[in-house]
Amino acid sequence: MRSFKEAVVNRRTNYALGKQIEVSPAQIIEVVENMVKEVPSSFNMQSGRVVVAFGDNHDKIWNITHDTLQAIVPAENFAATEEKIKGFAAAYGTVLFFDETETVQGMQKQFAAYADNFPIWAQQANGMLQFAIWTALTNLGLGANLQHYNPLIDDQVKAAFAIPASWKLIAQMPFGQPLQAVKAIEKLPIEQRVKIFA
């Protein structure tokens, strides 16, 4: 088992994903459910929602994305978009991240003095949830990346999976067998981002 630091360091965007993984769907479901349960949220709001799609259901997400974009991207520009979508479809599965808007609205009514902040706090909590699940999947030896085809695909995805109307799609995370090592990315000097006062 990696240390927490090692797990975070190894979490990287990986676009080269395949279907030959060495963990079971049950293991993936277990870590996703654990992260959804344990990731914090302001006022314990718990507005984050997740769908995990395998097999034909995973394919369905990327078929919807393909068809939606094909209808709006000029034909002469669609080849590059299509290749990206094929890459996501080549993965083993997809995690869909949502916010439960009725929960957020309920908190706004209950704590009116903070009403403007609850949508922001919900987004922050969803970001933490995305990071936690991404890191946990990496710790299982999987690769992943994060996409944002919402709101273009929202209605079709909700219809395909009987998602409640109050769930707002935030992001899509294809995951699977990492087929190549991820490239190092440039980082700013840490002194520009962290100040210490001792």
N, C-alpha and C. Protein backbone atom coordinates (compact mmCIF):
# COMPACT_ATOMS: atom_id res chain seq x y z
N MET A 1 0.85 -1.20 0.00
CA MET A 1 0.00 0.00 0.00
C MET A 1 0.88 1.24 0.00
N ARG A 2 0.61 2.16 -0.90
CA ARG A 2 1.36 3.41 -0.94
C ARG A 2 1.01 4.29 0.25
N SER A 3 1.97 5.15 0.61
CA SER A 3 1.67 6.18 1.60
C SER A 3 0.73 7.20 0.95
N PHE A 4 0.11 8.04 1.78
CA PHE A 4 -0.78 9.06 1.24
C PHE A 4 -0.02 9.97 0.27
N LYS A 5 1.18 10.38 0.65
CA LYS A 5 1.98 11.25 -0.22
C LYS A 5 2.26 10.57 -1.55
N GLU A 6 2.65 9.32 -1.52
CA GLU A 6 2.94 8.59 -2.76
C GLU A 6 1.69 8.48 -3.64
N ALA A 7 0.56 8.24 -3.00
CA ALA A 7 -0.69 8.13 -3.76
C ALA A 7 -1.01 9.44 -4.46
N VAL A 8 -0.81 10.56 -3.76
CA VAL A 8 -1.09 11.87 -4.35
C VAL A 8 -0.11 12.17 -5.48
N VAL A 9 1.17 11.88 -5.25
CA VAL A 9 2.19 12.14 -6.26
C VAL A 9 1.92 11.33 -7.53
N ASN A 10 1.41 10.11 -7.38
CA ASN A 10 1.20 9.24 -8.53
C ASN A 10 -0.12 9.51 -9.26
N ARG A 11 -1.00 10.32 -8.68
CA ARG A 11 -2.25 10.67 -9.35
C ARG A 11 -1.94 11.68 -10.45
N ARG A 12 -2.13 11.26 -11.68
CA ARG A 12 -1.85 12.12 -12.82
C ARG A 12 -2.90 11.89 -13.90
N THR A 13 -3.05 12.85 -14.79
CA THR A 13 -3.94 12.69 -15.93
C THR A 13 -3.34 11.69 -16.90
N ASN A 14 -4.11 10.65 -17.22
CA ASN A 14 -3.66 9.62 -18.15
C ASN A 14 -4.73 9.41 -19.21
N TYR A 15 -4.40 9.73 -20.46
CA TYR A 15 -5.36 9.59 -21.55
C TYR A 15 -5.26 8.25 -22.27
N ALA A 16 -4.18 7.52 -22.06
CA ALA A 16 -3.99 6.23 -22.73
C ALA A 16 -4.48 5.12 -21.81
N LEU A 17 -5.75 4.74 -21.97
CA LEU A 17 -6.38 3.79 -21.06
C LEU A 17 -6.93 2.60 -21.82
N GLY A 18 -6.87 1.42 -21.18
CA GLY A 18 -7.40 0.21 -21.78
C GLY A 18 -8.32 -0.52 -20.81
N LYS A 19 -8.76 -1.68 -21.24
CA LYS A 19 -9.77 -2.44 -20.48
C LYS A 19 -9.19 -3.60 -19.68
N GLN A 20 -7.90 -3.91 -19.83
CA GLN A 20 -7.31 -5.07 -19.15
C GLN A 20 -6.80 -4.65 -17.78
N ILE A 21 -7.67 -4.64 -16.80
CA ILE A 21 -7.27 -4.20 -15.46
C ILE A 21 -7.11 -5.41 -14.54
N GLU A 22 -6.39 -5.19 -13.45
CA GLU A 22 -6.06 -6.28 -12.53
C GLU A 22 -6.85 -6.22 -11.23
N VAL A 23 -7.88 -5.40 -11.19
CA VAL A 23 -8.75 -5.33 -10.02
C VAL A 23 -10.17 -5.61 -10.46
N SER A 24 -11.01 -5.99 -9.52
CA SER A 24 -12.39 -6.36 -9.84
C SER A 24 -13.30 -5.14 -9.76
N PRO A 25 -14.45 -5.20 -10.43
CA PRO A 25 -15.43 -4.13 -10.24
C PRO A 25 -15.80 -3.94 -8.77
N ALA A 26 -15.85 -5.02 -8.01
CA ALA A 26 -16.20 -4.91 -6.59
C ALA A 26 -15.18 -4.06 -5.83
N GLN A 27 -13.90 -4.20 -6.16
CA GLN A 27 -12.86 -3.39 -5.52
C GLN A 27 -13.03 -1.91 -5.88
N ILE A 28 -13.35 -1.65 -7.13
CA ILE A 28 -13.55 -0.27 -7.57
C ILE A 28 -14.75 0.33 -6.85
N ILE A 29 -15.83 -0.42 -6.80
CA ILE A 29 -17.04 0.06 -6.13
C ILE A 29 -16.76 0.34 -4.66
N GLU A 30 -16.00 -0.53 -4.03
CA GLU A 30 -15.69 -0.35 -2.60
C GLU A 30 -14.95 0.96 -2.35
N VAL A 31 -13.92 1.24 -3.15
CA VAL A 31 -13.17 2.48 -2.89
C VAL A 31 -14.00 3.71 -3.23
N VAL A 32 -14.82 3.64 -4.27
CA VAL A 32 -15.67 4.77 -4.61
C VAL A 32 -16.66 5.03 -3.49
N GLU A 33 -17.32 3.98 -3.01
CA GLU A 33 -18.29 4.16 -1.93
C GLU A 33 -17.63 4.70 -0.67
N ASN A 34 -16.43 4.22 -0.35
CA ASN A 34 -15.72 4.71 0.82
C ASN A 34 -15.39 6.20 0.70
N MET A 35 -14.95 6.61 -0.49
CA MET A 35 -14.62 8.02 -0.69
C MET A 35 -15.86 8.90 -0.60
N VAL A 36 -16.96 8.46 -1.22
CA VAL A 36 -18.21 9.24 -1.16
C VAL A 36 -18.65 9.40 0.30
N LYS A 37 -18.49 8.34 1.08
CA LYS A 37 -18.89 8.39 2.49
C LYS A 37 -18.01 9.31 3.32
N GLU A 38 -16.70 9.31 3.06
CA GLU A 38 -15.75 9.94 3.97
C GLU A 38 -15.29 11.34 3.56
N VAL A 39 -15.43 11.74 2.31
CA VAL A 39 -14.97 13.07 1.91
C VAL A 39 -15.85 14.13 2.58
N PRO A 40 -15.24 15.15 3.18
CA PRO A 40 -16.03 16.13 3.94
C PRO A 40 -16.76 17.13 3.04
N SER A 41 -17.76 17.79 3.64
CA SER A 41 -18.48 18.86 2.96
C SER A 41 -18.92 19.88 4.00
N SER A 42 -19.04 21.13 3.59
CA SER A 42 -19.44 22.19 4.51
C SER A 42 -20.82 21.90 5.11
N PHE A 43 -20.94 22.10 6.40
CA PHE A 43 -22.17 21.85 7.13
C PHE A 43 -22.62 20.39 6.99
N ASN A 44 -21.68 19.51 6.66
CA ASN A 44 -22.00 18.11 6.41
C ASN A 44 -23.13 17.98 5.37
N MET A 45 -23.05 18.82 4.34
CA MET A 45 -24.11 18.93 3.35
C MET A 45 -24.31 17.65 2.54
N GLN A 46 -23.20 16.97 2.21
CA GLN A 46 -23.24 15.69 1.50
C GLN A 46 -24.04 15.79 0.19
N SER A 47 -23.77 16.82 -0.59
CA SER A 47 -24.50 17.03 -1.85
C SER A 47 -23.89 16.27 -3.03
N GLY A 48 -22.70 15.72 -2.86
CA GLY A 48 -22.06 14.99 -3.96
C GLY A 48 -22.78 13.68 -4.25
N ARG A 49 -22.91 13.38 -5.53
CA ARG A 49 -23.50 12.13 -5.99
C ARG A 49 -22.60 11.55 -7.06
N VAL A 50 -22.58 10.21 -7.16
CA VAL A 50 -21.67 9.54 -8.09
C VAL A 50 -22.40 8.40 -8.77
N VAL A 51 -22.12 8.23 -10.05
CA VAL A 51 -22.54 7.06 -10.81
C VAL A 51 -21.28 6.38 -11.33
N VAL A 52 -21.17 5.07 -11.14
CA VAL A 52 -20.05 4.30 -11.70
C VAL A 52 -20.61 3.41 -12.80
N ALA A 53 -20.06 3.54 -14.00
CA ALA A 53 -20.57 2.80 -15.16
C ALA A 53 -19.51 1.87 -15.71
N PHE A 54 -19.88 0.61 -15.88
CA PHE A 54 -19.01 -0.41 -16.45
C PHE A 54 -19.64 -0.93 -17.76
N GLY A 55 -18.81 -1.59 -18.56
CA GLY A 55 -19.32 -2.33 -19.72
C GLY A 55 -20.14 -1.48 -20.67
N ASP A 56 -21.32 -1.99 -21.05
CA ASP A 56 -22.18 -1.29 -22.00
C ASP A 56 -22.62 0.07 -21.48
N ASN A 57 -22.75 0.19 -20.16
CA ASN A 57 -23.15 1.48 -19.59
C ASN A 57 -22.05 2.52 -19.73
N HIS A 58 -20.80 2.09 -19.57
CA HIS A 58 -19.67 2.97 -19.85
C HIS A 58 -19.69 3.41 -21.31
N ASP A 59 -19.89 2.45 -22.22
CA ASP A 59 -19.94 2.77 -23.65
C ASP A 59 -21.05 3.76 -23.95
N LYS A 60 -22.17 3.61 -23.27
CA LYS A 60 -23.34 4.46 -23.51
C LYS A 60 -22.99 5.94 -23.28
N ILE A 61 -22.21 6.20 -22.22
CA ILE A 61 -21.82 7.59 -21.91
C ILE A 61 -21.06 8.20 -23.08
N TRP A 62 -20.12 7.44 -23.63
CA TRP A 62 -19.26 8.01 -24.66
C TRP A 62 -19.93 7.99 -26.03
N ASN A 63 -20.91 7.10 -26.22
CA ASN A 63 -21.73 7.18 -27.43
C ASN A 63 -22.59 8.44 -27.41
N ILE A 64 -23.15 8.75 -26.27
CA ILE A 64 -23.93 9.98 -26.11
C ILE A 64 -23.05 11.19 -26.39
N THR A 65 -21.84 11.18 -25.81
CA THR A 65 -20.93 12.31 -26.00
C THR A 65 -20.55 12.45 -27.47
N HIS A 66 -20.24 11.33 -28.11
CA HIS A 66 -19.88 11.33 -29.53
C HIS A 66 -21.00 11.93 -30.37
N ASP A 67 -22.20 11.43 -30.19
CA ASP A 67 -23.32 11.86 -31.02
C ASP A 67 -23.69 13.32 -30.76
N THR A 68 -23.60 13.73 -29.50
CA THR A 68 -23.91 15.12 -29.15
C THR A 68 -22.93 16.08 -29.81
N LEU A 69 -21.65 15.75 -29.73
CA LEU A 69 -20.64 16.64 -30.30
C LEU A 69 -20.63 16.60 -31.82
N GLN A 70 -20.91 15.43 -32.38
CA GLN A 70 -20.95 15.34 -33.84
C GLN A 70 -22.02 16.26 -34.42
N ALA A 71 -23.08 16.47 -33.66
CA ALA A 71 -24.17 17.31 -34.13
C ALA A 71 -23.83 18.80 -34.07
N ILE A 72 -22.81 19.18 -33.31
CA ILE A 72 -22.52 20.62 -33.16
C ILE A 72 -21.12 21.03 -33.62
N VAL A 73 -20.20 20.08 -33.72
CA VAL A 73 -18.85 20.40 -34.18
C VAL A 73 -18.82 20.35 -35.70
N PRO A 74 -18.27 21.36 -36.36
CA PRO A 74 -18.17 21.32 -37.83
C PRO A 74 -17.48 20.05 -38.30
N ALA A 75 -17.99 19.47 -39.37
CA ALA A 75 -17.51 18.17 -39.85
C ALA A 75 -16.00 18.18 -40.09
N GLU A 76 -15.49 19.30 -40.60
CA GLU A 76 -14.05 19.36 -40.91
C GLU A 76 -13.19 19.37 -39.65
N ASN A 77 -13.80 19.64 -38.49
CA ASN A 77 -13.05 19.68 -37.23
C ASN A 77 -13.33 18.49 -36.33
N PHE A 78 -14.22 17.60 -36.76
CA PHE A 78 -14.70 16.57 -35.84
C PHE A 78 -13.71 15.42 -35.65
N ALA A 79 -12.81 15.19 -36.59
CA ALA A 79 -11.91 14.04 -36.50
C ALA A 79 -11.12 14.03 -35.19
N ALA A 80 -10.56 15.18 -34.82
CA ALA A 80 -9.76 15.25 -33.59
C ALA A 80 -10.64 15.00 -32.36
N THR A 81 -11.84 15.58 -32.37
CA THR A 81 -12.78 15.36 -31.27
C THR A 81 -13.15 13.89 -31.16
N GLU A 82 -13.41 13.26 -32.30
CA GLU A 82 -13.79 11.86 -32.32
C GLU A 82 -12.69 10.98 -31.76
N GLU A 83 -11.43 11.28 -32.08
CA GLU A 83 -10.32 10.50 -31.56
C GLU A 83 -10.24 10.60 -30.04
N LYS A 84 -10.47 11.80 -29.50
CA LYS A 84 -10.46 11.97 -28.04
C LYS A 84 -11.55 11.11 -27.40
N ILE A 85 -12.73 11.16 -27.98
CA ILE A 85 -13.85 10.41 -27.40
C ILE A 85 -13.60 8.91 -27.49
N LYS A 86 -13.01 8.45 -28.59
CA LYS A 86 -12.66 7.03 -28.72
C LYS A 86 -11.67 6.63 -27.62
N GLY A 87 -10.78 7.53 -27.28
CA GLY A 87 -9.83 7.25 -26.20
C GLY A 87 -10.53 7.07 -24.86
N PHE A 88 -11.52 7.90 -24.58
CA PHE A 88 -12.27 7.76 -23.34
C PHE A 88 -13.10 6.47 -23.35
N ALA A 89 -13.67 6.15 -24.50
CA ALA A 89 -14.47 4.93 -24.62
C ALA A 89 -13.61 3.68 -24.47
N ALA A 90 -12.33 3.78 -24.81
CA ALA A 90 -11.43 2.63 -24.71
C ALA A 90 -11.10 2.25 -23.28
N ALA A 91 -11.44 3.12 -22.33
CA ALA A 91 -11.19 2.85 -20.92
C ALA A 91 -12.11 1.74 -20.40
N TYR A 92 -11.86 1.32 -19.18
CA TYR A 92 -12.64 0.23 -18.58
C TYR A 92 -14.00 0.70 -18.08
N GLY A 93 -14.04 1.89 -17.50
CA GLY A 93 -15.29 2.39 -16.92
C GLY A 93 -15.25 3.90 -16.80
N THR A 94 -16.34 4.46 -16.29
CA THR A 94 -16.44 5.90 -16.11
C THR A 94 -17.14 6.20 -14.78
N VAL A 95 -16.62 7.19 -14.08
CA VAL A 95 -17.29 7.74 -12.91
C VAL A 95 -17.91 9.07 -13.32
N LEU A 96 -19.20 9.22 -13.07
CA LEU A 96 -19.89 10.49 -13.28
C LEU A 96 -20.09 11.18 -11.94
N PHE A 97 -19.75 12.45 -11.87
CA PHE A 97 -19.89 13.22 -10.64
C PHE A 97 -21.04 14.22 -10.79
N PHE A 98 -21.88 14.26 -9.79
CA PHE A 98 -23.05 15.14 -9.77
C PHE A 98 -23.10 15.91 -8.45
N ASP A 99 -23.85 17.02 -8.47
CA ASP A 99 -24.28 17.70 -7.24
C ASP A 99 -25.79 17.59 -7.14
N GLU A 100 -26.26 17.31 -5.94
CA GLU A 100 -27.70 17.21 -5.69
C GLU A 100 -28.21 18.61 -5.36
N THR A 101 -28.83 19.28 -6.33
CA THR A 101 -29.16 20.69 -6.17
C THR A 101 -30.25 20.93 -5.13
N GLU A 102 -31.14 19.99 -4.94
CA GLU A 102 -32.17 20.18 -3.91
C GLU A 102 -31.55 20.21 -2.52
N THR A 103 -30.51 19.43 -2.33
CA THR A 103 -29.79 19.46 -1.05
C THR A 103 -29.18 20.83 -0.82
N VAL A 104 -28.55 21.37 -1.85
CA VAL A 104 -27.92 22.69 -1.75
C VAL A 104 -28.99 23.75 -1.47
N GLN A 105 -30.09 23.69 -2.18
CA GLN A 105 -31.16 24.66 -1.97
C GLN A 105 -31.76 24.55 -0.58
N GLY A 106 -31.86 23.34 -0.08
CA GLY A 106 -32.36 23.15 1.28
C GLY A 106 -31.45 23.79 2.32
N MET A 107 -30.16 23.68 2.11
CA MET A 107 -29.21 24.31 3.03
C MET A 107 -29.29 25.82 2.94
N GLN A 108 -29.51 26.34 1.73
CA GLN A 108 -29.65 27.79 1.56
C GLN A 108 -30.84 28.32 2.35
N LYS A 109 -31.92 27.58 2.36
CA LYS A 109 -33.11 27.99 3.10
C LYS A 109 -32.90 27.86 4.61
N GLN A 110 -32.21 26.79 5.00
CA GLN A 110 -32.02 26.53 6.42
C GLN A 110 -31.05 27.52 7.06
N PHE A 111 -30.03 27.91 6.27
CA PHE A 111 -29.00 28.83 6.78
C PHE A 111 -28.91 30.03 5.84
N ALA A 112 -29.94 30.86 5.87
CA ALA A 112 -30.09 31.95 4.90
C ALA A 112 -28.91 32.92 4.90
N ALA A 113 -28.28 33.11 6.04
CA ALA A 113 -27.16 34.05 6.11
C ALA A 113 -25.99 33.61 5.25
N TYR A 114 -25.91 32.32 4.94
CA TYR A 114 -24.82 31.78 4.13
C TYR A 114 -25.30 31.32 2.75
N ALA A 115 -26.49 31.73 2.36
CA ALA A 115 -27.13 31.17 1.17
C ALA A 115 -26.25 31.25 -0.07
N ASP A 116 -25.58 32.38 -0.27
CA ASP A 116 -24.77 32.55 -1.47
C ASP A 116 -23.57 31.60 -1.50
N ASN A 117 -23.16 31.13 -0.35
CA ASN A 117 -21.95 30.31 -0.27
C ASN A 117 -22.20 28.83 -0.54
N PHE A 118 -23.42 28.35 -0.32
CA PHE A 118 -23.63 26.91 -0.42
C PHE A 118 -23.34 26.33 -1.81
N PRO A 119 -23.71 26.99 -2.92
CA PRO A 119 -23.31 26.44 -4.22
C PRO A 119 -21.80 26.38 -4.40
N ILE A 120 -21.10 27.36 -3.85
CA ILE A 120 -19.63 27.36 -3.92
C ILE A 120 -19.08 26.22 -3.08
N TRP A 121 -19.61 26.07 -1.87
CA TRP A 121 -19.13 25.00 -1.00
C TRP A 121 -19.43 23.62 -1.59
N ALA A 122 -20.57 23.50 -2.27
CA ALA A 122 -20.89 22.22 -2.91
C ALA A 122 -19.88 21.89 -4.00
N GLN A 123 -19.49 22.91 -4.78
CA GLN A 123 -18.49 22.69 -5.82
C GLN A 123 -17.14 22.30 -5.21
N GLN A 124 -16.79 22.96 -4.10
CA GLN A 124 -15.53 22.62 -3.43
C GLN A 124 -15.55 21.18 -2.95
N ALA A 125 -16.66 20.77 -2.35
CA ALA A 125 -16.77 19.39 -1.86
C ALA A 125 -16.72 18.40 -3.01
N ASN A 126 -17.34 18.75 -4.14
CA ASN A 126 -17.31 17.86 -5.29
C ASN A 126 -15.89 17.75 -5.83
N GLY A 127 -15.15 18.85 -5.81
CA GLY A 127 -13.75 18.80 -6.22
C GLY A 127 -12.92 17.89 -5.33
N MET A 128 -13.17 17.96 -4.02
CA MET A 128 -12.47 17.06 -3.10
C MET A 128 -12.84 15.62 -3.38
N LEU A 129 -14.11 15.38 -3.69
CA LEU A 129 -14.57 14.02 -3.99
C LEU A 129 -13.91 13.50 -5.26
N GLN A 130 -13.83 14.34 -6.28
CA GLN A 130 -13.15 13.94 -7.52
C GLN A 130 -11.69 13.58 -7.25
N PHE A 131 -11.02 14.44 -6.49
CA PHE A 131 -9.61 14.19 -6.18
C PHE A 131 -9.44 12.90 -5.38
N ALA A 132 -10.30 12.68 -4.40
CA ALA A 132 -10.18 11.49 -3.55
C ALA A 132 -10.41 10.22 -4.37
N ILE A 133 -11.45 10.21 -5.20
CA ILE A 133 -11.71 9.01 -6.01
C ILE A 133 -10.61 8.80 -7.03
N TRP A 134 -10.13 9.86 -7.66
CA TRP A 134 -9.04 9.75 -8.63
C TRP A 134 -7.81 9.15 -7.96
N THR A 135 -7.48 9.67 -6.78
CA THR A 135 -6.30 9.16 -6.07
C THR A 135 -6.50 7.71 -5.65
N ALA A 136 -7.69 7.37 -5.20
CA ALA A 136 -7.97 5.99 -4.79
C ALA A 136 -7.90 5.03 -5.97
N LEU A 137 -8.40 5.46 -7.13
CA LEU A 137 -8.30 4.61 -8.33
C LEU A 137 -6.84 4.44 -8.74
N THR A 138 -6.07 5.51 -8.64
CA THR A 138 -4.63 5.41 -8.93
C THR A 138 -3.96 4.42 -7.99
N ASN A 139 -4.38 4.43 -6.74
CA ASN A 139 -3.81 3.54 -5.75
C ASN A 139 -4.14 2.07 -6.05
N LEU A 140 -5.20 1.84 -6.82
CA LEU A 140 -5.52 0.48 -7.27
C LEU A 140 -4.73 0.08 -8.51
N GLY A 141 -3.90 1.00 -9.02
CA GLY A 141 -3.13 0.70 -10.22
C GLY A 141 -3.81 1.12 -11.51
N LEU A 142 -4.87 1.92 -11.39
CA LEU A 142 -5.62 2.36 -12.56
C LEU A 142 -5.17 3.75 -13.00
N GLY A 143 -5.40 4.05 -14.27
CA GLY A 143 -5.19 5.40 -14.78
C GLY A 143 -6.55 6.06 -14.95
N ALA A 144 -6.56 7.40 -14.96
CA ALA A 144 -7.82 8.13 -15.11
C ALA A 144 -7.54 9.52 -15.65
N ASN A 145 -8.60 10.16 -16.13
CA ASN A 145 -8.55 11.58 -16.49
C ASN A 145 -9.92 12.17 -16.20
N LEU A 146 -10.00 13.49 -16.20
CA LEU A 146 -11.24 14.17 -15.83
C LEU A 146 -11.72 15.03 -16.99
N GLN A 147 -12.98 14.85 -17.36
CA GLN A 147 -13.57 15.56 -18.49
C GLN A 147 -14.80 16.36 -18.06
N HIS A 148 -15.16 17.35 -18.89
CA HIS A 148 -16.29 18.23 -18.58
C HIS A 148 -17.10 18.49 -19.84
N TYR A 149 -17.87 17.49 -20.24
CA TYR A 149 -18.75 17.65 -21.40
C TYR A 149 -20.14 18.14 -21.00
N ASN A 150 -20.31 18.39 -19.73
CA ASN A 150 -21.53 19.00 -19.26
C ASN A 150 -21.48 20.50 -19.59
N PRO A 151 -22.57 21.16 -19.87
CA PRO A 151 -23.94 20.66 -19.85
C PRO A 151 -24.42 20.03 -21.17
N LEU A 152 -23.52 19.87 -22.13
CA LEU A 152 -23.95 19.39 -23.45
C LEU A 152 -24.63 18.03 -23.39
N ILE A 153 -24.13 17.15 -22.51
CA ILE A 153 -24.64 15.77 -22.50
C ILE A 153 -25.59 15.49 -21.34
N ASP A 154 -25.89 16.51 -20.54
CA ASP A 154 -26.63 16.29 -19.30
C ASP A 154 -27.97 15.59 -19.51
N ASP A 155 -28.79 16.13 -20.39
CA ASP A 155 -30.14 15.61 -20.54
C ASP A 155 -30.14 14.16 -21.01
N GLN A 156 -29.26 13.85 -21.97
CA GLN A 156 -29.21 12.49 -22.51
C GLN A 156 -28.68 11.51 -21.47
N VAL A 157 -27.69 11.93 -20.69
CA VAL A 157 -27.15 11.06 -19.64
C VAL A 157 -28.22 10.80 -18.58
N LYS A 158 -28.93 11.84 -18.17
CA LYS A 158 -29.98 11.67 -17.17
C LYS A 158 -31.05 10.71 -17.67
N ALA A 159 -31.42 10.86 -18.93
CA ALA A 159 -32.45 9.98 -19.50
C ALA A 159 -31.95 8.54 -19.58
N ALA A 160 -30.69 8.35 -19.98
CA ALA A 160 -30.14 7.01 -20.17
C ALA A 160 -30.01 6.24 -18.87
N PHE A 161 -29.78 6.96 -17.76
CA PHE A 161 -29.53 6.29 -16.48
C PHE A 161 -30.59 6.59 -15.42
N ALA A 162 -31.69 7.18 -15.84
CA ALA A 162 -32.78 7.51 -14.91
C ALA A 162 -32.25 8.32 -13.72
N ILE A 163 -31.47 9.34 -14.03
CA ILE A 163 -30.89 10.20 -13.01
C ILE A 163 -31.93 11.25 -12.59
N PRO A 164 -32.09 11.49 -11.30
CA PRO A 164 -33.05 12.51 -10.86
C PRO A 164 -32.77 13.87 -11.48
N ALA A 165 -33.82 14.62 -11.74
CA ALA A 165 -33.68 15.94 -12.36
C ALA A 165 -32.86 16.88 -11.51
N SER A 166 -32.86 16.67 -10.19
CA SER A 166 -32.15 17.57 -9.28
C SER A 166 -30.65 17.32 -9.22
N TRP A 167 -30.17 16.26 -9.88
CA TRP A 167 -28.74 16.00 -9.92
C TRP A 167 -28.12 16.77 -11.08
N LYS A 168 -27.15 17.60 -10.78
CA LYS A 168 -26.45 18.40 -11.80
C LYS A 168 -25.11 17.74 -12.13
N LEU A 169 -24.89 17.43 -13.39
CA LEU A 169 -23.65 16.78 -13.81
C LEU A 169 -22.49 17.77 -13.70
N ILE A 170 -21.41 17.32 -13.07
CA ILE A 170 -20.24 18.17 -12.83
C ILE A 170 -19.04 17.73 -13.66
N ALA A 171 -18.80 16.42 -13.74
CA ALA A 171 -17.60 15.95 -14.44
C ALA A 171 -17.73 14.47 -14.77
N GLN A 172 -16.89 14.03 -15.71
CA GLN A 172 -16.84 12.63 -16.12
C GLN A 172 -15.39 12.14 -16.00
N MET A 173 -15.20 10.97 -15.38
CA MET A 173 -13.85 10.43 -15.16
C MET A 173 -13.73 9.03 -15.75
N PRO A 174 -13.25 8.91 -17.00
CA PRO A 174 -12.94 7.58 -17.52
C PRO A 174 -11.72 7.01 -16.80
N PHE A 175 -11.74 5.70 -16.53
CA PHE A 175 -10.62 5.07 -15.84
C PHE A 175 -10.38 3.69 -16.44
N GLY A 176 -9.15 3.21 -16.29
CA GLY A 176 -8.84 1.89 -16.82
C GLY A 176 -7.37 1.56 -16.71
N GLN A 177 -6.97 0.60 -17.52
CA GLN A 177 -5.57 0.14 -17.55
C GLN A 177 -4.69 1.27 -18.09
N PRO A 178 -3.67 1.69 -17.32
CA PRO A 178 -2.76 2.71 -17.85
C PRO A 178 -1.84 2.10 -18.91
N LEU A 179 -1.94 2.59 -20.13
CA LEU A 179 -1.20 1.99 -21.24
C LEU A 179 0.14 2.64 -21.49
N GLN A 180 0.39 3.79 -20.88
CA GLN A 180 1.70 4.42 -21.00
C GLN A 180 1.96 5.27 -19.77
N ALA A 181 3.23 5.49 -19.51
CA ALA A 181 3.60 6.33 -18.37
C ALA A 181 3.17 7.76 -18.66
N VAL A 182 2.70 8.44 -17.63
CA VAL A 182 2.29 9.83 -17.82
C VAL A 182 3.53 10.72 -17.86
N LYS A 183 3.42 11.81 -18.59
CA LYS A 183 4.53 12.75 -18.72
C LYS A 183 4.59 13.67 -17.51
N ALA A 184 5.81 14.03 -17.15
CA ALA A 184 5.99 15.00 -16.06
C ALA A 184 5.45 16.35 -16.52
N ILE A 185 4.86 17.07 -15.60
CA ILE A 185 4.36 18.40 -15.92
C ILE A 185 5.15 19.44 -15.14
N GLU A 186 5.23 20.63 -15.73
CA GLU A 186 6.01 21.70 -15.10
C GLU A 186 5.27 22.24 -13.90
N LYS A 187 5.99 22.41 -12.82
CA LYS A 187 5.41 22.94 -11.59
C LYS A 187 6.10 24.26 -11.25
N LEU A 188 5.34 25.22 -10.79
CA LEU A 188 5.91 26.47 -10.32
C LEU A 188 6.78 26.22 -9.10
N PRO A 189 7.80 27.04 -8.89
CA PRO A 189 8.58 26.91 -7.64
C PRO A 189 7.63 27.01 -6.45
N ILE A 190 7.82 26.12 -5.50
CA ILE A 190 6.89 26.05 -4.38
C ILE A 190 6.87 27.34 -3.58
N GLU A 191 7.99 28.09 -3.61
CA GLU A 191 8.07 29.35 -2.87
C GLU A 191 7.07 30.38 -3.40
N GLN A 192 6.66 30.22 -4.67
CA GLN A 192 5.68 31.15 -5.22
C GLN A 192 4.26 30.81 -4.76
N ARG A 193 4.07 29.64 -4.19
CA ARG A 193 2.72 29.19 -3.87
C ARG A 193 2.48 28.99 -2.39
N VAL A 194 3.55 28.86 -1.62
CA VAL A 194 3.42 28.63 -0.18
C VAL A 194 4.27 29.65 0.58
N LYS A 195 3.66 30.30 1.55
CA LYS A 195 4.40 31.20 2.43
C LYS A 195 4.34 30.64 3.85
N ILE A 196 5.46 30.62 4.51
CA ILE A 196 5.58 30.09 5.87
C ILE A 196 5.89 31.22 6.83
N PHE A 197 5.14 31.30 7.90
CA PHE A 197 5.40 32.26 8.96
C PHE A 197 5.56 31.47 10.26
N ALA A 198 6.81 31.40 10.73
CA ALA A 198 7.08 30.60 11.92
C ALA A 198 7.37 31.48 13.11
